[in-house]
Amino acid sequence: MGQKINPISNRLGIIRGWDSNWFGGKKYGDTLLEDDKIRKYLNARLANAYISRIVIERTLKIVTITVCTARPGQIIGKGGAEVEKLKSELKKITDKEVQIEISEVKKPELDATIVAKQIARQLEGKIAYRRAIKNAIASTMRLNAEGIKVQVSGRLNGAEIARSEMYKEGRTPLHTLRADIDYCHAEAVTKVGVIGIKVWICRGEVYGKRDLAPNFQVAKTEDRQRGNRRDGNGRGFKRNRK
């Protein structure tokens, strides 16, 4: 069972909390659809910011959106101008007051979503898939991850017949519910077709009780300006073109 199910949904309520926190009542379906629209819009609008997670909390009149990203400066903009634009754009979707909080991912190499998006970006840039995967695995294991597994599927290297290949290092115990395993599926759109990318990262095991409520370190005003300069260099992964 652990090999088939999404590792994140399999651990909800155990060591992982929910990304949507609200009470919907009779409007549950409409509210859930609205959350999906918000996430799709932000992922498309901020495609270059390497978004890891979007947490949505709702009260009666306010929608609070926490965006976890590896490049907070790119989202915030100069003096917070980009955030104000996002608020006005999202207000058209929700018809409610929107508050946006930015949380920086301190170690993007240990985040499966960012790793998968980075591999997809490299494949779209015509970098050999084996090189992109091996660089990602090396970067993740360098930060003391217990294990990583990467699977790519499609017309690899422009082959006539699609195939799947898997690369792994360390351990990724999918059946162990206390194992903190992050997972993501991404797609790279290339000239020969779409290549699917799956990434599993094991960051250790969680013992005892764990607070499942979202607890993010939101960037302060002073940090935003520093982040703007710091993240302009494409902080996180580096492309190796040798």
Protein backbone atom coordinates (compact mmCIF):
# COMPACT_ATOMS: atom_id res chain seq x y z
CA MET A 1 0.00 0.00 0.00
CA GLY A 2 2.80 2.39 0.86
CA GLN A 3 4.26 1.96 -2.63
CA LYS A 4 1.03 3.02 -4.35
CA ILE A 5 -0.44 5.85 -2.29
CA ASN A 6 0.83 9.42 -2.19
CA PRO A 7 3.27 9.51 0.79
CA ILE A 8 1.98 12.91 1.90
CA SER A 9 -1.71 11.97 2.03
CA ASN A 10 -0.78 8.70 3.74
CA ARG A 11 0.76 10.69 6.62
CA LEU A 12 -1.94 13.35 7.03
CA GLY A 13 -2.96 13.59 10.66
CA ILE A 14 0.09 11.58 11.77
CA ILE A 15 3.18 13.69 11.07
CA ARG A 16 1.85 16.00 8.37
CA GLY A 17 -0.82 18.71 8.55
CA TRP A 18 -3.28 19.90 5.92
CA ASP A 19 -2.60 22.67 3.40
CA SER A 20 -6.17 24.00 3.65
CA ASN A 21 -7.43 24.97 7.11
CA TRP A 22 -11.06 26.14 7.26
CA PHE A 23 -14.63 25.02 7.92
CA GLY A 24 -16.73 24.90 4.77
CA GLY A 25 -20.12 23.65 5.87
CA LYS A 26 -22.61 23.54 3.00
CA LYS A 27 -20.21 25.54 0.80
CA TYR A 28 -17.42 22.98 1.16
CA GLY A 29 -17.32 22.12 -2.56
CA ASP A 30 -17.23 25.75 -3.72
CA THR A 31 -14.54 26.62 -1.18
CA LEU A 32 -12.39 23.64 -2.17
CA LEU A 33 -12.70 24.61 -5.85
CA GLU A 34 -11.68 28.16 -4.96
CA ASP A 35 -8.58 26.87 -3.16
CA ASP A 36 -7.66 24.88 -6.26
CA LYS A 37 -8.02 28.00 -8.44
CA ILE A 38 -5.80 29.98 -6.06
CA ARG A 39 -3.06 27.35 -6.10
CA LYS A 40 -3.14 26.95 -9.88
CA TYR A 41 -3.02 30.72 -10.36
CA LEU A 42 -0.09 31.23 -7.97
CA ASN A 43 1.90 28.31 -9.40
CA ALA A 44 1.47 29.71 -12.92
CA ARG A 45 2.01 33.35 -11.94
CA LEU A 46 5.10 32.61 -9.80
CA ALA A 47 6.55 29.76 -11.84
CA ASN A 48 10.12 31.06 -11.50
CA ALA A 49 9.97 31.45 -7.72
CA TYR A 50 10.17 27.69 -6.98
CA ILE A 51 7.08 27.50 -4.76
CA SER A 52 7.15 24.55 -2.38
CA ARG A 53 3.82 24.75 -0.60
CA ILE A 54 0.75 27.00 -0.46
CA VAL A 55 -1.22 26.94 2.80
CA ILE A 56 -4.67 28.57 2.84
CA GLU A 57 -6.46 29.55 6.05
CA ARG A 58 -9.91 31.11 6.05
CA THR A 59 -12.07 33.08 8.45
CA LEU A 60 -15.45 34.59 7.71
CA LYS A 61 -14.07 37.61 5.83
CA ILE A 62 -10.31 37.05 5.44
CA VAL A 63 -8.30 34.56 3.38
CA THR A 64 -4.71 34.13 4.59
CA ILE A 65 -2.34 32.57 2.05
CA THR A 66 1.13 31.44 3.13
CA VAL A 67 3.51 30.85 0.23
CA CYS A 68 6.61 28.76 0.97
CA THR A 69 9.29 29.54 -1.58
CA ALA A 70 13.03 29.28 -2.17
CA ARG A 71 13.10 32.83 -3.60
CA PRO A 72 11.09 35.15 -1.33
CA GLY A 73 12.61 38.30 -2.78
CA GLN A 74 11.28 37.51 -6.21
CA ILE A 75 7.71 37.29 -4.90
CA ILE A 76 7.87 40.29 -2.57
CA GLY A 77 9.41 42.66 -5.09
CA LYS A 78 10.81 46.09 -4.39
CA GLY A 79 9.16 47.51 -1.29
CA GLY A 80 6.49 44.80 -1.36
CA ALA A 81 5.01 46.00 -4.67
CA GLU A 82 4.57 42.50 -6.10
CA VAL A 83 2.69 41.30 -3.01
CA GLU A 84 0.20 44.16 -3.34
CA LYS A 85 -0.39 43.20 -6.98
CA LEU A 86 -1.01 39.59 -5.97
CA LYS A 87 -3.51 40.67 -3.31
CA SER A 88 -5.56 42.67 -5.79
CA GLU A 89 -5.46 39.84 -8.36
CA LEU A 90 -6.46 37.16 -5.84
CA LYS A 91 -9.28 39.31 -4.49
CA LYS A 92 -11.00 38.90 -7.86
CA ILE A 93 -10.99 35.12 -7.33
CA THR A 94 -12.13 35.05 -3.70
CA ASP A 95 -14.23 38.25 -3.36
CA LYS A 96 -12.74 38.54 0.14
CA GLU A 97 -9.88 40.37 1.78
CA VAL A 98 -6.63 38.54 1.06
CA GLN A 99 -3.53 38.47 3.24
CA ILE A 100 -0.33 37.03 1.78
CA GLU A 101 2.57 35.83 3.91
CA ILE A 102 5.90 34.69 2.47
CA SER A 103 7.90 31.93 4.13
CA GLU A 104 11.43 31.12 2.95
CA VAL A 105 12.47 27.51 2.47
CA LYS A 106 15.84 27.45 4.23
CA LYS A 107 17.04 24.19 2.65
CA PRO A 108 15.50 23.85 -0.82
CA GLU A 109 17.64 20.78 -1.54
CA LEU A 110 15.55 18.85 1.02
CA ASP A 111 12.22 19.89 -0.51
CA ALA A 112 10.85 17.39 -3.04
CA THR A 113 8.72 19.98 -4.84
CA ILE A 114 11.64 22.33 -5.45
CA VAL A 115 13.95 19.47 -6.45
CA ALA A 116 11.38 18.15 -8.95
CA LYS A 117 10.77 21.60 -10.43
CA GLN A 118 14.51 22.20 -10.74
CA ILE A 119 15.01 18.90 -12.59
CA ALA A 120 12.09 19.75 -14.90
CA ARG A 121 13.58 23.18 -15.63
CA GLN A 122 16.92 21.60 -16.53
CA LEU A 123 15.29 19.03 -18.82
CA GLU A 124 13.43 21.83 -20.60
CA GLY A 125 16.80 23.56 -20.97
CA LYS A 126 18.14 20.53 -22.88
CA ILE A 127 20.41 19.31 -20.09
CA ALA A 128 20.96 15.53 -20.04
CA TYR A 129 18.47 13.94 -17.66
CA ARG A 130 21.08 11.71 -15.99
CA ARG A 131 23.27 14.72 -15.18
CA ALA A 132 20.32 16.70 -13.80
CA ILE A 133 19.21 13.80 -11.60
CA LYS A 134 22.68 12.98 -10.30
CA ASN A 135 23.34 16.63 -9.43
CA ALA A 136 20.02 16.80 -7.55
CA ILE A 137 20.75 13.58 -5.63
CA ALA A 138 24.24 14.78 -4.69
CA SER A 139 22.90 18.14 -3.46
CA THR A 140 20.22 16.47 -1.35
CA MET A 141 22.49 13.86 0.24
CA ARG A 142 25.06 16.56 0.98
CA LEU A 143 22.56 18.07 3.46
CA ASN A 144 22.30 14.82 5.45
CA ALA A 145 19.07 13.50 3.98
CA GLU A 146 18.45 9.85 4.81
CA GLY A 147 17.55 9.02 1.23
CA ILE A 148 16.21 10.22 -2.10
CA LYS A 149 14.50 8.47 -5.00
CA VAL A 150 13.91 10.01 -8.44
CA GLN A 151 11.90 8.49 -11.28
CA VAL A 152 11.65 9.92 -14.80
CA SER A 153 9.24 8.66 -17.46
CA GLY A 154 8.79 9.55 -21.11
CA ARG A 155 10.81 9.77 -24.30
CA LEU A 156 14.16 10.10 -22.56
CA ASN A 157 16.88 11.54 -24.79
CA GLY A 158 14.32 11.66 -27.61
CA ALA A 159 13.93 7.87 -27.79
CA GLU A 160 11.22 6.47 -30.05
CA ILE A 161 9.72 4.36 -27.26
CA ALA A 162 8.90 5.88 -23.88
CA ARG A 163 10.42 4.26 -20.81
CA SER A 164 10.90 4.82 -17.08
CA GLU A 165 14.15 5.01 -15.14
CA MET A 166 14.66 5.25 -11.39
CA TYR A 167 17.67 6.52 -9.46
CA LYS A 168 17.97 6.30 -5.69
CA GLU A 169 20.43 6.69 -2.86
CA GLY A 170 19.96 5.98 0.84
CA ARG A 171 16.63 4.78 2.27
CA THR A 172 13.05 5.91 1.60
CA PRO A 173 10.82 3.68 3.80
CA LEU A 174 7.34 4.34 2.36
CA HIS A 175 5.60 1.88 4.73
CA THR A 176 7.00 3.57 7.87
CA LEU A 177 4.43 6.22 8.79
CA ARG A 178 6.77 8.02 11.19
CA ALA A 179 9.26 8.54 8.36
CA ASP A 180 9.23 12.18 7.22
CA ILE A 181 8.98 11.63 3.46
CA ASP A 182 8.35 14.52 1.09
CA TYR A 183 6.98 13.77 -2.37
CA CYS A 184 6.24 15.65 -5.58
CA HIS A 185 5.32 14.97 -9.18
CA ALA A 186 6.35 17.46 -11.86
CA GLU A 187 6.31 17.58 -15.65
CA ALA A 188 8.89 18.86 -18.12
CA VAL A 189 7.51 19.96 -21.49
CA THR A 190 10.18 19.22 -24.11
CA LYS A 191 10.23 19.16 -27.92
CA VAL A 192 9.85 15.38 -27.97
CA GLY A 193 6.97 15.31 -25.49
CA VAL A 194 6.17 15.53 -21.79
CA ILE A 195 8.55 13.90 -19.31
CA GLY A 196 7.15 13.01 -15.89
CA ILE A 197 9.33 13.42 -12.81
CA LYS A 198 8.66 11.93 -9.37
CA VAL A 199 10.81 12.73 -6.33
CA TRP A 200 10.75 11.13 -2.86
CA ILE A 201 13.00 12.55 -0.11
CA CYS A 202 13.35 10.99 3.35
CA ARG A 203 14.35 13.59 5.94
CA GLY A 204 14.44 11.30 8.96
CA GLU A 205 11.88 9.88 11.38
CA VAL A 206 9.51 11.69 13.74
CA TYR A 207 9.06 10.31 17.27
CA GLY A 208 6.46 11.40 19.79
CA LYS A 209 3.67 13.91 19.21
CA ARG A 210 4.03 16.52 16.51
CA ASP A 211 2.14 19.81 16.13
CA LEU A 212 0.29 19.50 12.81
CA ALA A 213 -0.72 23.16 12.67
CA PRO A 214 1.18 25.20 10.05
CA ASN A 215 4.13 26.94 11.68
CA PHE A 216 6.13 29.02 9.24
CA GLN A 217 8.79 31.66 9.73
CA VAL A 218 7.41 34.60 7.81
CA ALA A 219 9.98 36.97 6.34
CA LYS A 220 10.21 40.31 8.14
CA THR A 221 10.43 43.66 6.39
CA GLU A 222 14.20 43.94 6.93
CA ASP A 223 14.77 40.42 5.60
CA ARG A 224 12.71 41.09 2.48
CA GLN A 225 15.15 43.63 1.10
CA ARG A 226 18.11 41.36 1.85
CA GLY A 227 16.23 38.44 0.29
CA ASN A 228 15.60 40.53 -2.81
CA ARG A 229 19.32 40.87 -3.42
CA ARG A 230 20.20 37.42 -2.19
CA ASP A 231 17.69 35.54 -4.32
CA GLY A 232 18.41 37.42 -7.52
CA ASN A 233 21.32 35.10 -8.27
CA GLY A 234 19.11 32.03 -8.59
CA ARG A 235 19.84 30.81 -5.08
CA GLY A 236 19.31 27.09 -4.52
CA PHE A 237 20.53 24.79 -7.26
CA LYS A 238 23.20 25.55 -9.83
CA ARG A 239 23.19 24.23 -13.33
CA ASN A 240 26.29 22.30 -14.21
CA ARG A 241 26.86 22.67 -17.94
CA LYS A 242 30.26 20.95 -18.04
